[in-house]
């Protein structure tokens, strides 16, 4: 069974046109960090993210 975090809302920054924030939801607190780690380790994220 795959449980994914959900994105509930995105917000644009009023200070920077190139910045946004998103509100995420997780099934429970213990799953939060492992799910975030899995997301940020994916190749798609690494290719798309620019520091």
C-alpha atoms as a PDB file:
ATOM      1  CA  UNK A   1       0.000   0.000   0.000  1.00  0.00           C
ATOM      2  CA  UNK A   2       1.340   3.421  -0.947  1.00  0.00           C
ATOM      3  CA  UNK A   3       0.340   6.375   1.193  1.00  0.00           C
ATOM      4  CA  UNK A   4       1.265   9.770  -0.159  1.00  0.00           C
ATOM      5  CA  UNK A   5       1.345  13.179   1.370  1.00  0.00           C
ATOM      6  CA  UNK A   6      -1.336  15.481   0.055  1.00  0.00           C
ATOM      7  CA  UNK A   7      -0.948  19.041  -1.095  1.00  0.00           C
ATOM      8  CA  UNK A   8      -3.955  21.031   0.077  1.00  0.00           C
ATOM      9  CA  UNK A   9      -3.168  24.586  -0.906  1.00  0.00           C
ATOM     10  CA  UNK A  10      -0.483  26.639  -2.629  1.00  0.00           C
ATOM     11  CA  UNK A  11       0.310  30.227  -1.763  1.00  0.00           C
ATOM     12  CA  UNK A  12       2.216  32.812  -3.801  1.00  0.00           C
ATOM     13  CA  UNK A  13       4.748  34.992  -2.023  1.00  0.00           C
ATOM     14  CA  UNK A  14       3.824  38.662  -1.849  1.00  0.00           C
ATOM     15  CA  UNK A  15       7.527  39.543  -1.589  1.00  0.00           C
ATOM     16  CA  UNK A  16       9.021  37.406  -4.373  1.00  0.00           C
ATOM     17  CA  UNK A  17       7.284  36.529  -7.639  1.00  0.00           C
ATOM     18  CA  UNK A  18       9.462  33.417  -8.027  1.00  0.00           C
ATOM     19  CA  UNK A  19       8.511  31.923  -4.646  1.00  0.00           C
ATOM     20  CA  UNK A  20       5.519  29.913  -3.522  1.00  0.00           C
ATOM     21  CA  UNK A  21       4.567  27.892  -0.466  1.00  0.00           C
ATOM     22  CA  UNK A  22       2.433  24.793  -0.210  1.00  0.00           C
ATOM     23  CA  UNK A  23       0.451  23.257   2.634  1.00  0.00           C
ATOM     24  CA  UNK A  24       0.928  19.501   2.893  1.00  0.00           C
ATOM     25  CA  UNK A  25      -0.890  16.848   4.879  1.00  0.00           C
ATOM     26  CA  UNK A  26       0.392  13.542   6.206  1.00  0.00           C
ATOM     27  CA  UNK A  27      -1.487  10.531   7.592  1.00  0.00           C
ATOM     28  CA  UNK A  28       0.200  10.959  10.995  1.00  0.00           C
ATOM     29  CA  UNK A  29       3.186  12.648  12.625  1.00  0.00           C
ATOM     30  CA  UNK A  30       5.538   9.603  12.551  1.00  0.00           C
ATOM     31  CA  UNK A  31       5.123   9.312   8.761  1.00  0.00           C
ATOM     32  CA  UNK A  32       5.952  12.974   8.103  1.00  0.00           C
ATOM     33  CA  UNK A  33       9.759  12.873   8.000  1.00  0.00           C
ATOM     34  CA  UNK A  34      10.108   9.590   6.030  1.00  0.00           C
ATOM     35  CA  UNK A  35       7.590  10.785   3.457  1.00  0.00           C
ATOM     36  CA  UNK A  36       9.325  14.154   3.059  1.00  0.00           C
ATOM     37  CA  UNK A  37      12.692  12.410   2.671  1.00  0.00           C
ATOM     38  CA  UNK A  38      11.297  10.110  -0.021  1.00  0.00           C
ATOM     39  CA  UNK A  39       9.830  13.077  -1.902  1.00  0.00           C
ATOM     40  CA  UNK A  40      13.010  15.179  -1.860  1.00  0.00           C
ATOM     41  CA  UNK A  41      15.207  12.233  -2.876  1.00  0.00           C
ATOM     42  CA  UNK A  42      13.319  11.646  -6.140  1.00  0.00           C
ATOM     43  CA  UNK A  43      15.143  12.439  -9.389  1.00  0.00           C
ATOM     44  CA  UNK A  44      12.274  14.598 -10.653  1.00  0.00           C
ATOM     45  CA  UNK A  45      12.612  16.923  -7.655  1.00  0.00           C
ATOM     46  CA  UNK A  46      16.417  17.030  -7.917  1.00  0.00           C
ATOM     47  CA  UNK A  47      16.272  17.953 -11.623  1.00  0.00           C
ATOM     48  CA  UNK A  48      13.564  20.592 -11.176  1.00  0.00           C
ATOM     49  CA  UNK A  49      14.909  22.282  -8.037  1.00  0.00           C
ATOM     50  CA  UNK A  50      17.242  25.201  -8.543  1.00  0.00           C
ATOM     51  CA  UNK A  51      18.924  26.760  -5.482  1.00  0.00           C
END
